[in-house]
Amino acid sequence: FRRVLFLSDPVSSRRGEPLPAGAKTGQEVSVVTHRLTELVEESRACLAPLDEARGLPAAAFTDPEWFEAEQREVFAKSWIAVARSQDLSAPGSFRTATIAREPVVVTRARDGVLHAMSNACPHRGTLICNGSGTAPSLRCPNHAWTFGHDGQLRAAPHMAESFDVGSVCLPRFAVAEWNGFVLVNLDSTASSPANEAIHKAVSFMVSAPI
């Protein structure tokens, strides 16, 4: 929520306030509409001391622009739980999810390594997998492009002989197991969820009144 407030505030970068993790500078932030700016101002009361704070305005739960800001600045940059570890315990198992409108498939390869990648075939954008299950490979139902559990293209029927199968790989995302959950972050450079949790806990303790 604080990230949405900061990135929706066109003057924050001029106040000398520190940038939150993953935040962009004012010059990099896309133009924010007047409506979203109004919503942000109405919502600042929820950050006040507890005895003065108010809840979020109703529009924060229904406004399309607020929703887009949350998708872009929160869900697309956070660790999201997509499964329990036991759901992906078997080699060849997979589970699909959608994070910030991005179709994602998480797999357990034969070597036991977890992979998270786009679930959209790069050929025509068709969803490769649905739901969950176990399969020897990931095969697109459209033109039978077949991918390994690591996202690497293995076969592409009907393509020209000059087509380099080895040059195609599904876009990959960060994936981790933590406390029995499988988590995915669309930011492939994200630090581990354990490191983020420790950082947030330490920050809270340092800032908490004693």
C-alpha atoms as a PDB file:
ATOM      1  CA  PHE A   1       0.000   0.000   0.000  1.00  0.00           C
ATOM      2  CA  ARG A   2       2.815   2.431   0.841  1.00  0.00           C
ATOM      3  CA  ARG A   3       4.386   1.702  -2.535  1.00  0.00           C
ATOM      4  CA  VAL A   4       1.145   2.646  -4.312  1.00  0.00           C
ATOM      5  CA  LEU A   5       0.979   5.866  -2.307  1.00  0.00           C
ATOM      6  CA  PHE A   6       4.586   6.775  -3.051  1.00  0.00           C
ATOM      7  CA  LEU A   7       4.488   6.075  -6.775  1.00  0.00           C
ATOM      8  CA  SER A   8       1.222   7.927  -7.105  1.00  0.00           C
ATOM      9  CA  ASP A   9       2.685  11.018  -5.449  1.00  0.00           C
ATOM     10  CA  PRO A  10       4.395  13.267  -8.029  1.00  0.00           C
ATOM     11  CA  VAL A  11       6.243  15.281  -5.364  1.00  0.00           C
ATOM     12  CA  SER A  12       7.618  12.499  -3.164  1.00  0.00           C
ATOM     13  CA  SER A  13      10.991  12.463  -4.914  1.00  0.00           C
ATOM     14  CA  ARG A  14      11.394  16.177  -4.129  1.00  0.00           C
ATOM     15  CA  ARG A  15      10.813  15.720  -0.397  1.00  0.00           C
ATOM     16  CA  GLY A  16      14.018  13.791   0.090  1.00  0.00           C
ATOM     17  CA  GLU A  17      12.065  10.707   1.170  1.00  0.00           C
ATOM     18  CA  PRO A  18      13.887   7.381   0.644  1.00  0.00           C
ATOM     19  CA  LEU A  19      12.678   5.275  -2.247  1.00  0.00           C
ATOM     20  CA  PRO A  20      10.945   2.038  -1.230  1.00  0.00           C
ATOM     21  CA  ALA A  21      12.502  -1.192  -2.513  1.00  0.00           C
ATOM     22  CA  GLY A  22      11.987  -1.523  -6.252  1.00  0.00           C
ATOM     23  CA  ALA A  23      10.515   1.959  -6.637  1.00  0.00           C
ATOM     24  CA  LYS A  24      11.311   4.118  -9.646  1.00  0.00           C
ATOM     25  CA  THR A  25      12.326   7.739  -9.674  1.00  0.00           C
ATOM     26  CA  GLY A  26       9.727  10.397 -10.461  1.00  0.00           C
ATOM     27  CA  GLN A  27      11.013  10.689 -14.024  1.00  0.00           C
ATOM     28  CA  GLU A  28      10.415   6.977 -14.622  1.00  0.00           C
ATOM     29  CA  VAL A  29       6.898   6.819 -13.223  1.00  0.00           C
ATOM     30  CA  SER A  30       4.183   6.962 -15.832  1.00  0.00           C
ATOM     31  CA  VAL A  31       1.701   9.820 -15.779  1.00  0.00           C
ATOM     32  CA  VAL A  32      -0.784   9.447 -12.948  1.00  0.00           C
ATOM     33  CA  THR A  33      -4.344  10.547 -13.524  1.00  0.00           C
ATOM     34  CA  HIS A  34      -6.048  13.165 -11.404  1.00  0.00           C
ATOM     35  CA  ARG A  35      -8.518  10.558 -10.127  1.00  0.00           C
ATOM     36  CA  LEU A  36      -5.791   8.289  -8.739  1.00  0.00           C
ATOM     37  CA  THR A  37      -4.072  11.254  -7.121  1.00  0.00           C
ATOM     38  CA  GLU A  38      -7.339  12.142  -5.370  1.00  0.00           C
ATOM     39  CA  LEU A  39      -7.735   8.577  -4.130  1.00  0.00           C
ATOM     40  CA  VAL A  40      -4.206   8.581  -2.764  1.00  0.00           C
ATOM     41  CA  GLU A  41      -4.834  11.772  -0.825  1.00  0.00           C
ATOM     42  CA  GLU A  42      -8.082  10.368   0.592  1.00  0.00           C
ATOM     43  CA  SER A  43      -6.213   7.230   1.687  1.00  0.00           C
ATOM     44  CA  ARG A  44      -3.374   8.867   3.605  1.00  0.00           C
ATOM     45  CA  ALA A  45      -5.508   8.894   6.750  1.00  0.00           C
ATOM     46  CA  CYS A  46      -5.024   5.134   7.104  1.00  0.00           C
ATOM     47  CA  LEU A  47      -1.307   5.769   7.797  1.00  0.00           C
ATOM     48  CA  ALA A  48      -2.053   8.034  10.759  1.00  0.00           C
ATOM     49  CA  PRO A  49      -1.548   6.849  14.373  1.00  0.00           C
ATOM     50  CA  LEU A  50      -4.024   4.152  15.315  1.00  0.00           C
ATOM     51  CA  ASP A  51      -6.287   6.391  17.387  1.00  0.00           C
ATOM     52  CA  GLU A  52      -6.558   8.829  14.469  1.00  0.00           C
ATOM     53  CA  ALA A  53      -6.472   6.487  11.483  1.00  0.00           C
ATOM     54  CA  ARG A  54      -9.387   5.735   9.193  1.00  0.00           C
ATOM     55  CA  GLY A  55      -9.979   2.832   6.844  1.00  0.00           C
ATOM     56  CA  LEU A  56      -9.397   2.991   3.121  1.00  0.00           C
ATOM     57  CA  PRO A  57     -12.088   4.782   1.110  1.00  0.00           C
ATOM     58  CA  ALA A  58     -14.542   2.461  -0.618  1.00  0.00           C
ATOM     59  CA  ALA A  59     -13.177   3.455  -4.029  1.00  0.00           C
ATOM     60  CA  ALA A  60      -9.840   1.822  -3.172  1.00  0.00           C
ATOM     61  CA  PHE A  61     -11.625  -1.523  -3.500  1.00  0.00           C
ATOM     62  CA  THR A  62     -13.498  -0.742  -6.718  1.00  0.00           C
ATOM     63  CA  ASP A  63     -11.638   1.924  -8.704  1.00  0.00           C
ATOM     64  CA  PRO A  64     -10.005   0.554 -11.914  1.00  0.00           C
ATOM     65  CA  GLU A  65      -7.036   2.937 -11.711  1.00  0.00           C
ATOM     66  CA  TRP A  66      -6.255   1.936  -8.129  1.00  0.00           C
ATOM     67  CA  PHE A  67      -6.501  -1.694  -9.212  1.00  0.00           C
ATOM     68  CA  GLU A  68      -4.013  -1.105 -12.041  1.00  0.00           C
ATOM     69  CA  ALA A  69      -1.597   0.586  -9.629  1.00  0.00           C
ATOM     70  CA  GLU A  70      -1.804  -2.396  -7.270  1.00  0.00           C
ATOM     71  CA  GLN A  71      -1.210  -4.841 -10.119  1.00  0.00           C
ATOM     72  CA  ARG A  72       1.785  -2.889 -11.389  1.00  0.00           C
ATOM     73  CA  GLU A  73       3.452  -1.816  -8.153  1.00  0.00           C
ATOM     74  CA  VAL A  74       2.462  -4.517  -5.661  1.00  0.00           C
ATOM     75  CA  PHE A  75       1.566  -7.872  -7.202  1.00  0.00           C
ATOM     76  CA  ALA A  76       4.085  -7.682 -10.064  1.00  0.00           C
ATOM     77  CA  LYS A  77       6.899  -6.961  -7.595  1.00  0.00           C
ATOM     78  CA  SER A  78       6.054  -9.205  -4.638  1.00  0.00           C
ATOM     79  CA  TRP A  79       6.426 -12.842  -3.678  1.00  0.00           C
ATOM     80  CA  ILE A  80       3.068 -14.515  -4.322  1.00  0.00           C
ATOM     81  CA  ALA A  81       2.161 -17.954  -2.955  1.00  0.00           C
ATOM     82  CA  VAL A  82       0.958 -20.190  -5.789  1.00  0.00           C
ATOM     83  CA  ALA A  83       1.024 -23.658  -4.204  1.00  0.00           C
ATOM     84  CA  ARG A  84       1.991 -25.753  -1.233  1.00  0.00           C
ATOM     85  CA  SER A  85       5.283 -27.609  -1.580  1.00  0.00           C
ATOM     86  CA  GLN A  86       3.511 -30.977  -1.525  1.00  0.00           C
ATOM     87  CA  ASP A  87       1.477 -29.902  -4.566  1.00  0.00           C
ATOM     88  CA  LEU A  88       4.709 -29.884  -6.586  1.00  0.00           C
ATOM     89  CA  SER A  89       6.629 -32.659  -4.878  1.00  0.00           C
ATOM     90  CA  ALA A  90       6.726 -35.136  -7.778  1.00  0.00           C
ATOM     91  CA  PRO A  91       9.131 -34.738 -10.704  1.00  0.00           C
ATOM     92  CA  GLY A  92       7.154 -33.559 -13.735  1.00  0.00           C
ATOM     93  CA  SER A  93       4.429 -31.911 -11.678  1.00  0.00           C
ATOM     94  CA  PHE A  94       3.119 -28.493 -12.630  1.00  0.00           C
ATOM     95  CA  ARG A  95       0.653 -25.870 -11.412  1.00  0.00           C
ATOM     96  CA  THR A  96      -0.634 -22.767 -13.159  1.00  0.00           C
ATOM     97  CA  ALA A  97      -1.486 -19.352 -11.736  1.00  0.00           C
ATOM     98  CA  THR A  98      -2.043 -15.771 -12.822  1.00  0.00           C
ATOM     99  CA  ILE A  99      -0.026 -12.988 -11.206  1.00  0.00           C
ATOM    100  CA  ALA A 100      -0.669  -9.381 -12.183  1.00  0.00           C
ATOM    101  CA  ARG A 101      -2.393 -10.671 -15.328  1.00  0.00           C
ATOM    102  CA  GLU A 102       0.698 -12.698 -16.251  1.00  0.00           C
ATOM    103  CA  PRO A 103      -0.057 -16.403 -16.873  1.00  0.00           C
ATOM    104  CA  VAL A 104       2.482 -18.438 -14.932  1.00  0.00           C
ATOM    105  CA  VAL A 105       3.331 -22.127 -14.772  1.00  0.00           C
ATOM    106  CA  VAL A 106       5.468 -23.604 -11.993  1.00  0.00           C
ATOM    107  CA  THR A 107       7.118 -26.983 -12.514  1.00  0.00           C
ATOM    108  CA  ARG A 108       9.242 -29.510 -10.670  1.00  0.00           C
ATOM    109  CA  ALA A 109      11.879 -30.799 -13.079  1.00  0.00           C
ATOM    110  CA  ARG A 110      13.210 -34.341 -13.002  1.00  0.00           C
ATOM    111  CA  ASP A 111      16.288 -33.158 -11.107  1.00  0.00           C
ATOM    112  CA  GLY A 112      14.012 -31.797  -8.367  1.00  0.00           C
ATOM    113  CA  VAL A 113      14.566 -28.123  -9.218  1.00  0.00           C
ATOM    114  CA  LEU A 114      11.577 -25.765  -9.237  1.00  0.00           C
ATOM    115  CA  HIS A 115      11.025 -23.491 -12.231  1.00  0.00           C
ATOM    116  CA  ALA A 116       8.566 -20.646 -12.752  1.00  0.00           C
ATOM    117  CA  MET A 117       7.936 -19.246 -16.223  1.00  0.00           C
ATOM    118  CA  SER A 118       5.407 -17.689 -18.536  1.00  0.00           C
ATOM    119  CA  ASN A 119       2.509 -19.971 -19.425  1.00  0.00           C
ATOM    120  CA  ALA A 120       1.998 -18.231 -22.780  1.00  0.00           C
ATOM    121  CA  CYS A 121       3.475 -19.929 -25.827  1.00  0.00           C
ATOM    122  CA  PRO A 122       5.838 -17.515 -27.626  1.00  0.00           C
ATOM    123  CA  HIS A 123       4.561 -18.771 -30.986  1.00  0.00           C
ATOM    124  CA  ARG A 124       0.962 -17.520 -30.863  1.00  0.00           C
ATOM    125  CA  GLY A 125       0.384 -16.615 -27.214  1.00  0.00           C
ATOM    126  CA  THR A 126      -1.776 -19.660 -26.442  1.00  0.00           C
ATOM    127  CA  LEU A 127      -1.902 -20.909 -22.846  1.00  0.00           C
ATOM    128  CA  ILE A 128       0.331 -23.971 -22.658  1.00  0.00           C
ATOM    129  CA  CYS A 129      -1.064 -25.587 -19.505  1.00  0.00           C
ATOM    130  CA  ASN A 130      -4.256 -25.470 -17.500  1.00  0.00           C
ATOM    131  CA  GLY A 131      -4.791 -26.292 -13.847  1.00  0.00           C
ATOM    132  CA  SER A 132      -2.299 -28.701 -12.333  1.00  0.00           C
ATOM    133  CA  GLY A 133      -1.017 -32.209 -12.828  1.00  0.00           C
ATOM    134  CA  THR A 134       1.993 -34.234 -13.922  1.00  0.00           C
ATOM    135  CA  ALA A 135       3.340 -34.409 -17.466  1.00  0.00           C
ATOM    136  CA  PRO A 136       6.562 -35.518 -19.185  1.00  0.00           C
ATOM    137  CA  SER A 137       6.767 -32.104 -20.892  1.00  0.00           C
ATOM    138  CA  LEU A 138       4.743 -28.947 -21.480  1.00  0.00           C
ATOM    139  CA  ARG A 139       2.991 -29.040 -24.850  1.00  0.00           C
ATOM    140  CA  CYS A 140       1.099 -26.130 -26.370  1.00  0.00           C
ATOM    141  CA  PRO A 141      -2.310 -27.295 -27.679  1.00  0.00           C
ATOM    142  CA  ASN A 142      -2.163 -24.898 -30.640  1.00  0.00           C
ATOM    143  CA  HIS A 143       0.811 -25.983 -32.770  1.00  0.00           C
ATOM    144  CA  ALA A 144       2.335 -28.616 -30.476  1.00  0.00           C
ATOM    145  CA  TRP A 145       5.391 -26.627 -29.483  1.00  0.00           C
ATOM    146  CA  THR A 146       6.860 -28.696 -26.654  1.00  0.00           C
ATOM    147  CA  PHE A 147       8.867 -27.315 -23.737  1.00  0.00           C
ATOM    148  CA  GLY A 148      10.904 -28.963 -21.025  1.00  0.00           C
ATOM    149  CA  HIS A 149      10.123 -28.388 -17.367  1.00  0.00           C
ATOM    150  CA  ASP A 150      12.831 -25.718 -17.382  1.00  0.00           C
ATOM    151  CA  GLY A 151      11.003 -23.745 -20.094  1.00  0.00           C
ATOM    152  CA  GLN A 152      13.430 -24.615 -22.890  1.00  0.00           C
ATOM    153  CA  LEU A 153      11.786 -25.386 -26.239  1.00  0.00           C
ATOM    154  CA  ARG A 154      12.379 -29.032 -27.188  1.00  0.00           C
ATOM    155  CA  ALA A 155      10.309 -29.465 -30.339  1.00  0.00           C
ATOM    156  CA  ALA A 156       8.488 -27.237 -32.829  1.00  0.00           C
ATOM    157  CA  PRO A 157       6.726 -29.298 -35.513  1.00  0.00           C
ATOM    158  CA  HIS A 158       6.136 -27.824 -38.974  1.00  0.00           C
ATOM    159  CA  MET A 159       8.752 -25.103 -38.557  1.00  0.00           C
ATOM    160  CA  ALA A 160      11.408 -24.509 -41.219  1.00  0.00           C
ATOM    161  CA  GLU A 161      14.565 -26.601 -40.982  1.00  0.00           C
ATOM    162  CA  SER A 162      16.556 -23.449 -40.305  1.00  0.00           C
ATOM    163  CA  PHE A 163      14.511 -22.725 -37.168  1.00  0.00           C
ATOM    164  CA  ASP A 164      16.735 -22.947 -34.084  1.00  0.00           C
ATOM    165  CA  VAL A 165      14.761 -24.753 -31.390  1.00  0.00           C
ATOM    166  CA  GLY A 166      17.502 -24.131 -28.858  1.00  0.00           C
ATOM    167  CA  SER A 167      17.137 -20.366 -29.167  1.00  0.00           C
ATOM    168  CA  VAL A 168      13.622 -20.295 -27.660  1.00  0.00           C
ATOM    169  CA  CYS A 169      12.898 -20.422 -23.946  1.00  0.00           C
ATOM    170  CA  LEU A 170       9.883 -19.322 -21.944  1.00  0.00           C
ATOM    171  CA  PRO A 171      10.492 -16.130 -19.918  1.00  0.00           C
ATOM    172  CA  ARG A 172      11.485 -17.157 -16.407  1.00  0.00           C
ATOM    173  CA  PHE A 173      10.507 -15.724 -13.036  1.00  0.00           C
ATOM    174  CA  ALA A 174      11.947 -15.985  -9.538  1.00  0.00           C
ATOM    175  CA  VAL A 175      10.673 -18.981  -7.564  1.00  0.00           C
ATOM    176  CA  ALA A 176      11.342 -20.166  -4.023  1.00  0.00           C
ATOM    177  CA  GLU A 177      10.094 -22.564  -1.367  1.00  0.00           C
ATOM    178  CA  TRP A 178       9.520 -21.023   2.045  1.00  0.00           C
ATOM    179  CA  ASN A 179       7.766 -22.465   5.092  1.00  0.00           C
ATOM    180  CA  GLY A 180       5.993 -25.101   3.014  1.00  0.00           C
ATOM    181  CA  PHE A 181       4.842 -22.705   0.288  1.00  0.00           C
ATOM    182  CA  VAL A 182       5.964 -22.251  -3.302  1.00  0.00           C
ATOM    183  CA  LEU A 183       6.237 -18.550  -4.075  1.00  0.00           C
ATOM    184  CA  VAL A 184       6.762 -16.723  -7.357  1.00  0.00           C
ATOM    185  CA  ASN A 185       7.986 -13.200  -8.045  1.00  0.00           C
ATOM    186  CA  LEU A 186       7.695 -11.789 -11.577  1.00  0.00           C
ATOM    187  CA  ASP A 187      10.877  -9.851 -10.859  1.00  0.00           C
ATOM    188  CA  SER A 188      13.548 -12.438 -11.689  1.00  0.00           C
ATOM    189  CA  THR A 189      16.140 -10.433  -9.710  1.00  0.00           C
ATOM    190  CA  ALA A 190      14.129 -10.342  -6.475  1.00  0.00           C
ATOM    191  CA  SER A 191      15.866 -11.310  -3.235  1.00  0.00           C
ATOM    192  CA  SER A 192      14.636 -14.448  -1.496  1.00  0.00           C
ATOM    193  CA  PRO A 193      11.368 -14.243   0.481  1.00  0.00           C
ATOM    194  CA  ALA A 194      13.282 -15.207   3.636  1.00  0.00           C
ATOM    195  CA  ASN A 195      15.621 -12.236   3.207  1.00  0.00           C
ATOM    196  CA  GLU A 196      12.689  -9.897   2.590  1.00  0.00           C
ATOM    197  CA  ALA A 197      10.841 -11.188   5.670  1.00  0.00           C
ATOM    198  CA  ILE A 198      13.935 -10.706   7.858  1.00  0.00           C
ATOM    199  CA  HIS A 199      14.462  -7.195   6.481  1.00  0.00           C
ATOM    200  CA  LYS A 200      10.852  -6.209   7.175  1.00  0.00           C
ATOM    201  CA  ALA A 201      10.955  -7.675  10.695  1.00  0.00           C
ATOM    202  CA  VAL A 202      14.178  -5.834  11.546  1.00  0.00           C
ATOM    203  CA  SER A 203      12.827  -2.584  10.074  1.00  0.00           C
ATOM    204  CA  PHE A 204       9.673  -2.930  12.178  1.00  0.00           C
ATOM    205  CA  MET A 205      11.607  -3.573  15.394  1.00  0.00           C
ATOM    206  CA  VAL A 206      13.942  -0.641  14.763  1.00  0.00           C
ATOM    207  CA  SER A 207      11.054   1.751  14.122  1.00  0.00           C
ATOM    208  CA  ALA A 208       8.760   0.467  16.885  1.00  0.00           C
ATOM    209  CA  PRO A 209       8.493   2.643  19.994  1.00  0.00           C
ATOM    210  CA  ILE A 210       9.976   1.074  23.137  1.00  0.00           C
END
